[in-house]
Amino acid sequence: MRSLIATAVMAAALKQPARFATLEVPPKDAILGVKEEFLADPAPAADKINLSVGAYRTDEGEPWVLPPIAAARRRLVETMEHEYLASTGDAGYCAHAARLLYGSPGDEIATVQSLSGTGSLRLCFEFLKRHYPDKTVYGPSCTWANHWNILRDAGMNVEKYAYLDAAGLRLDWPALYADLEQAPDGSIVLLHLCAHNPSGNDPTRDQWKELAALAKRKNFLPLFDSAYLGFASGDVDADAWPFRHFVDEGLAPWACVSFSKNFGLYSERAGAVHATCADAAEAAAVKANLGTLARALYSNP
């Protein structure tokens, strides 16, 4: 009897339609694909090193949890409520995240908690696609590979601006400036706040000032990707200076922040979107609309 049932089940399975028979397996992600190969390698952990993703590791190759993070986790275990957050995230988290980036944020700042860097960027571009339409995003020609995936899936118009010299070793400032000089007024300019990924080449403060002046003249929307705050100089305030300078110059910059690297929170997907607005009323509207989009994308962080 069982064999007859098994035969019937198999026969039914064979009759299922192949709706995706022409679908091809996409190439593995350039970064995470290497990690998959690392995990699949049968060699002992002591005989291999995973260089695909930057992460704190012990000498044995195991994840190393920063002591303050370990202490915070113990407190959370004792006090954490298993309750839904608002679509904009935890208010206290957002306030501290804003203070870390802005120094002294005012009520003209809209901050929402989001899913690390990728989630922050995706939410941000979804908002801009709808509420700041028909604008082109200018991104550095040398950048984090996932930027292009996020921009593509958000349906943004994208152009590249020069970043490194022909040897790929140093910042090509004249070419970078010339490319952005040619960008249409009102364009969105994607910038790495500090510790440029993957080159490590950042503009000097004088160059940031030149770029801020250009952004003001051409009414750019500066969008900073902040994944390594504190890593470039070892000083959070020093690394945040370019963003704060753009705020001080009245450029209303946005920022997409990840805490994966500088807090070692890789699996927790901790991030934030910060929007510098004209006043508190605009900030409230921007925050509410970001929350509405987050609700449809992933409900809440």
Protein backbone atom coordinates (compact mmCIF):
# COMPACT_ATOMS: atom_id res chain seq x y z
CA MET A 1 0.00 0.00 0.00
CA ARG A 2 2.77 2.41 0.95
CA SER A 3 4.60 1.71 -2.30
CA LEU A 4 1.44 2.53 -4.26
CA ILE A 5 1.07 5.84 -2.39
CA ALA A 6 4.73 6.70 -2.97
CA THR A 7 4.34 5.92 -6.68
CA ALA A 8 1.25 8.12 -6.87
CA VAL A 9 3.04 11.00 -5.13
CA MET A 10 6.01 10.71 -7.48
CA ALA A 11 3.74 10.62 -10.50
CA ALA A 12 1.95 13.76 -9.30
CA ALA A 13 5.29 15.47 -8.77
CA LEU A 14 6.33 14.64 -12.33
CA LYS A 15 3.24 16.42 -13.62
CA GLN A 16 4.05 19.75 -11.98
CA PRO A 17 4.48 22.53 -14.55
CA ALA A 18 8.00 23.85 -15.19
CA ARG A 19 7.15 27.54 -15.02
CA PHE A 20 10.77 28.62 -14.64
CA ALA A 21 12.50 26.11 -16.90
CA THR A 22 14.34 28.88 -18.78
CA LEU A 23 15.55 30.60 -15.62
CA GLU A 24 19.34 30.56 -15.31
CA VAL A 25 21.34 30.44 -12.12
CA PRO A 26 22.89 33.91 -11.68
CA PRO A 27 26.61 34.35 -11.01
CA LYS A 28 27.57 34.18 -7.37
CA ASP A 29 28.00 37.46 -5.53
CA ALA A 30 31.62 38.59 -5.82
CA ILE A 31 31.94 38.92 -2.04
CA LEU A 32 29.49 36.53 -0.45
CA GLY A 33 30.22 33.88 -3.09
CA VAL A 34 33.78 33.64 -1.80
CA LYS A 35 32.44 33.12 1.70
CA GLU A 36 30.30 30.24 0.43
CA GLU A 37 33.39 28.65 -1.08
CA PHE A 38 35.28 29.17 2.18
CA LEU A 39 32.56 27.41 4.16
CA ALA A 40 32.36 24.57 1.64
CA ASP A 41 36.12 23.98 1.70
CA PRO A 42 36.74 20.84 3.80
CA ALA A 43 40.09 22.11 5.08
CA PRO A 44 40.30 22.64 8.86
CA ALA A 45 39.49 26.17 10.03
CA ALA A 46 43.07 26.64 11.24
CA ASP A 47 44.37 26.05 7.69
CA LYS A 48 42.31 28.67 5.85
CA ILE A 49 41.50 32.38 6.14
CA ASN A 50 38.36 34.07 4.86
CA LEU A 51 39.37 37.39 3.29
CA SER A 52 36.09 38.00 1.46
CA VAL A 53 34.33 40.00 4.17
CA GLY A 54 36.00 42.41 6.59
CA ALA A 55 35.21 41.24 10.12
CA TYR A 56 36.78 41.05 13.55
CA ARG A 57 38.28 37.60 14.10
CA THR A 58 40.17 35.80 16.83
CA ASP A 59 43.50 34.10 16.12
CA GLU A 60 41.49 30.92 15.63
CA GLY A 61 39.40 32.56 12.90
CA GLU A 62 36.24 32.76 15.00
CA PRO A 63 34.10 35.93 15.24
CA TRP A 64 35.35 38.26 17.96
CA VAL A 65 32.65 40.20 19.79
CA LEU A 66 33.71 43.65 20.95
CA PRO A 67 33.58 43.83 24.77
CA PRO A 68 31.09 46.76 24.84
CA ILE A 69 28.84 44.84 22.44
CA ALA A 70 29.06 41.74 24.63
CA ALA A 71 28.12 43.81 27.68
CA ALA A 72 25.21 45.44 25.86
CA ARG A 73 23.98 42.05 24.69
CA ARG A 74 23.91 40.75 28.26
CA ARG A 75 21.81 43.73 29.33
CA LEU A 76 19.46 43.23 26.39
CA VAL A 77 18.92 39.59 27.24
CA GLU A 78 17.67 40.67 30.66
CA THR A 79 15.49 43.56 29.50
CA MET A 80 14.55 42.98 25.85
CA GLU A 81 10.87 42.77 24.99
CA HIS A 82 9.81 40.55 22.10
CA GLU A 83 7.57 43.26 20.72
CA TYR A 84 7.14 44.76 17.28
CA LEU A 85 8.97 48.01 16.63
CA ALA A 86 7.43 50.87 14.71
CA SER A 87 8.21 50.83 10.99
CA THR A 88 10.64 53.71 11.65
CA GLY A 89 12.41 51.74 14.38
CA ASP A 90 13.24 52.30 18.04
CA ALA A 91 13.17 55.99 19.00
CA GLY A 92 16.13 55.73 21.38
CA TYR A 93 18.22 53.89 18.81
CA CYS A 94 17.44 56.55 16.19
CA ALA A 95 18.36 59.38 18.57
CA HIS A 96 21.74 57.84 19.42
CA ALA A 97 22.48 57.01 15.78
CA ALA A 98 21.77 60.61 14.80
CA ARG A 99 23.97 61.97 17.58
CA LEU A 100 26.85 59.73 16.50
CA LEU A 101 26.78 61.14 12.97
CA TYR A 102 25.63 64.74 13.47
CA GLY A 103 27.17 65.46 16.85
CA SER A 104 24.30 67.73 17.87
CA PRO A 105 21.26 66.88 15.75
CA GLY A 106 18.26 69.21 15.74
CA ASP A 107 14.57 68.65 15.07
CA GLU A 108 15.15 69.15 11.35
CA ILE A 109 16.68 65.66 11.18
CA ALA A 110 14.64 62.65 10.10
CA THR A 111 16.16 59.35 11.22
CA VAL A 112 14.75 55.87 10.74
CA GLN A 113 16.25 52.58 11.86
CA SER A 114 16.95 50.30 8.93
CA LEU A 115 18.59 47.04 7.91
CA SER A 116 22.29 47.89 7.91
CA GLY A 117 23.90 49.49 4.86
CA THR A 118 22.16 47.59 2.09
CA GLY A 119 18.72 48.03 3.64
CA SER A 120 19.37 51.71 4.33
CA LEU A 121 20.41 52.40 0.76
CA ARG A 122 17.52 50.41 -0.68
CA LEU A 123 14.99 52.26 1.46
CA CYS A 124 16.61 55.61 0.68
CA PHE A 125 16.59 55.12 -3.08
CA GLU A 126 13.04 53.79 -3.00
CA PHE A 127 12.04 57.06 -1.33
CA LEU A 128 14.03 59.23 -3.76
CA LYS A 129 12.63 57.38 -6.77
CA ARG A 130 9.12 58.30 -5.66
CA HIS A 131 9.55 61.70 -4.04
CA TYR A 132 12.60 63.18 -5.82
CA PRO A 133 11.90 61.78 -9.30
CA ASP A 134 13.71 62.04 -12.61
CA LYS A 135 17.08 62.61 -10.98
CA THR A 136 20.29 60.82 -11.89
CA VAL A 137 22.48 59.25 -9.21
CA TYR A 138 26.19 59.87 -9.73
CA GLY A 139 28.34 57.23 -8.05
CA PRO A 140 32.11 56.79 -7.94
CA SER A 141 33.47 54.55 -10.69
CA CYS A 142 35.32 52.58 -8.02
CA THR A 143 32.89 51.66 -5.27
CA TRP A 144 31.30 48.88 -3.24
CA ALA A 145 29.95 46.42 -5.80
CA ASN A 146 26.52 46.15 -4.19
CA HIS A 147 25.84 49.85 -4.85
CA TRP A 148 25.11 49.01 -8.49
CA ASN A 149 22.75 46.15 -7.55
CA ILE A 150 20.79 48.37 -5.17
CA LEU A 151 20.54 51.25 -7.63
CA ARG A 152 19.46 48.93 -10.43
CA ASP A 153 16.74 47.26 -8.40
CA ALA A 154 15.48 50.64 -7.17
CA GLY A 155 15.08 51.69 -10.80
CA MET A 156 17.39 54.70 -10.51
CA ASN A 157 19.13 56.43 -13.41
CA VAL A 158 22.85 55.99 -12.75
CA GLU A 159 26.05 57.59 -14.03
CA LYS A 160 29.62 57.13 -12.82
CA TYR A 161 32.12 59.82 -11.92
CA ALA A 162 35.88 59.32 -11.97
CA TYR A 163 37.51 58.35 -8.70
CA LEU A 164 40.93 56.67 -8.96
CA ASP A 165 43.81 57.43 -11.29
CA ALA A 166 44.74 55.16 -14.22
CA ALA A 167 46.93 53.03 -11.96
CA GLY A 168 44.05 52.56 -9.53
CA LEU A 169 46.16 53.76 -6.63
CA ARG A 170 45.31 57.37 -5.85
CA LEU A 171 42.32 59.67 -5.88
CA ASP A 172 42.09 61.46 -9.23
CA TRP A 173 40.70 64.70 -7.85
CA PRO A 174 40.78 66.78 -11.09
CA ALA A 175 38.88 64.08 -12.99
CA LEU A 176 36.39 63.58 -10.15
CA TYR A 177 35.68 67.30 -9.92
CA ALA A 178 35.40 67.68 -13.70
CA ASP A 179 32.87 64.85 -13.95
CA LEU A 180 30.66 66.28 -11.22
CA GLU A 181 30.98 69.75 -12.74
CA GLN A 182 29.28 68.29 -15.81
CA ALA A 183 26.49 66.61 -13.85
CA PRO A 184 23.06 68.21 -14.21
CA ASP A 185 21.89 70.54 -11.46
CA GLY A 186 19.88 68.74 -8.79
CA SER A 187 21.60 65.40 -9.29
CA ILE A 188 22.04 62.94 -6.42
CA VAL A 189 25.73 62.38 -5.65
CA LEU A 190 26.69 59.21 -3.81
CA LEU A 191 29.73 59.75 -1.59
CA HIS A 192 31.72 57.54 0.77
CA LEU A 193 31.96 59.31 4.11
CA CYS A 194 35.33 57.85 5.08
CA ALA A 195 37.58 54.83 4.50
CA HIS A 196 36.45 54.57 0.88
CA ASN A 197 35.50 51.03 -0.05
CA PRO A 198 37.45 49.39 -1.63
CA SER A 199 40.38 51.77 -2.18
CA GLY A 200 40.74 53.54 1.18
CA ASN A 201 41.37 56.80 -0.69
CA ASP A 202 39.40 59.72 0.78
CA PRO A 203 39.38 63.39 -0.25
CA THR A 204 41.28 65.80 1.96
CA ARG A 205 39.38 68.36 4.00
CA ASP A 206 40.22 71.05 1.46
CA GLN A 207 38.87 68.83 -1.31
CA TRP A 208 35.70 68.17 0.69
CA LYS A 209 35.28 71.93 0.99
CA GLU A 210 35.64 72.31 -2.77
CA LEU A 211 33.11 69.55 -3.30
CA ALA A 212 30.68 71.17 -0.87
CA ALA A 213 30.96 74.46 -2.74
CA LEU A 214 30.28 72.67 -6.03
CA ALA A 215 27.30 70.84 -4.52
CA LYS A 216 25.86 74.13 -3.30
CA ARG A 217 26.29 75.82 -6.67
CA LYS A 218 24.71 72.92 -8.56
CA ASN A 219 22.03 72.13 -5.95
CA PHE A 220 23.16 68.51 -5.62
CA LEU A 221 21.56 66.17 -3.10
CA PRO A 222 24.64 64.72 -1.33
CA LEU A 223 24.07 61.14 -0.15
CA PHE A 224 26.77 59.75 2.12
CA ASP A 225 27.32 56.02 2.58
CA SER A 226 28.76 55.56 6.06
CA ALA A 227 29.97 52.03 6.73
CA TYR A 228 33.30 52.70 8.43
CA LEU A 229 32.75 55.66 10.75
CA GLY A 230 35.73 55.78 13.11
CA PHE A 231 37.90 53.45 11.02
CA ALA A 232 39.66 56.00 8.82
CA SER A 233 41.24 58.07 11.60
CA GLY A 234 40.26 56.25 14.78
CA ASP A 235 38.20 59.31 15.72
CA VAL A 236 34.44 59.27 15.08
CA ASP A 237 34.17 63.07 15.07
CA ALA A 238 37.06 63.44 12.64
CA ASP A 239 35.58 60.84 10.30
CA ALA A 240 32.14 62.49 10.49
CA TRP A 241 33.60 65.90 9.59
CA PRO A 242 32.76 65.82 5.84
CA PHE A 243 29.09 65.12 6.53
CA ARG A 244 28.92 67.73 9.28
CA HIS A 245 30.61 70.26 7.00
CA PHE A 246 27.94 69.68 4.36
CA VAL A 247 25.29 70.21 7.04
CA ASP A 248 26.95 73.43 8.18
CA GLU A 249 27.03 74.65 4.57
CA GLY A 250 23.26 74.19 4.28
CA LEU A 251 23.40 71.34 1.75
CA ALA A 252 20.77 69.13 3.46
CA PRO A 253 22.79 65.92 3.03
CA TRP A 254 21.40 62.43 3.58
CA ALA A 255 23.29 59.46 4.99
CA CYS A 256 22.85 55.71 4.90
CA VAL A 257 24.62 54.16 7.85
CA SER A 258 25.75 50.64 8.66
CA PHE A 259 26.98 49.49 12.05
CA SER A 260 28.09 46.10 10.76
CA LYS A 261 31.77 46.98 10.60
CA ASN A 262 32.48 49.53 13.31
CA PHE A 263 30.32 47.75 15.93
CA GLY A 264 30.96 44.24 14.65
CA LEU A 265 27.20 43.70 14.25
CA TYR A 266 27.31 41.60 11.11
CA SER A 267 24.21 39.45 11.46
CA GLU A 268 22.12 41.95 13.41
CA ARG A 269 21.64 44.21 10.34
CA ALA A 270 21.85 47.45 12.31
CA GLY A 271 21.69 50.65 10.31
CA ALA A 272 19.93 53.97 9.82
CA VAL A 273 18.80 56.47 7.21
CA HIS A 274 19.36 60.12 8.11
CA ALA A 275 17.73 62.94 6.15
CA THR A 276 18.70 66.55 6.84
CA CYS A 277 15.61 68.64 6.14
CA ALA A 278 14.65 72.32 6.02
CA ASP A 279 12.64 72.26 9.25
CA ALA A 280 10.84 70.02 11.69
CA ALA A 281 7.69 69.81 9.58
CA GLU A 282 9.56 68.56 6.53
CA ALA A 283 11.52 66.12 8.71
CA ALA A 284 8.30 64.69 10.12
CA ALA A 285 6.88 64.17 6.63
CA VAL A 286 10.07 62.56 5.34
CA LYS A 287 10.30 60.24 8.34
CA ALA A 288 6.66 59.19 8.03
CA ASN A 289 7.04 58.43 4.33
CA LEU A 290 10.21 56.43 4.93
CA GLY A 291 8.26 54.47 7.52
CA THR A 292 5.45 53.84 5.05
CA LEU A 293 7.92 52.42 2.53
CA ALA A 294 9.66 50.34 5.20
CA ARG A 295 6.30 48.86 6.15
CA ALA A 296 5.83 47.53 2.64
CA LEU A 297 9.45 46.41 2.20
CA TYR A 298 10.15 44.62 5.48
CA SER A 299 7.47 45.81 7.93
CA ASN A 300 9.81 46.97 10.71
CA PRO A 301 13.50 46.62 11.59
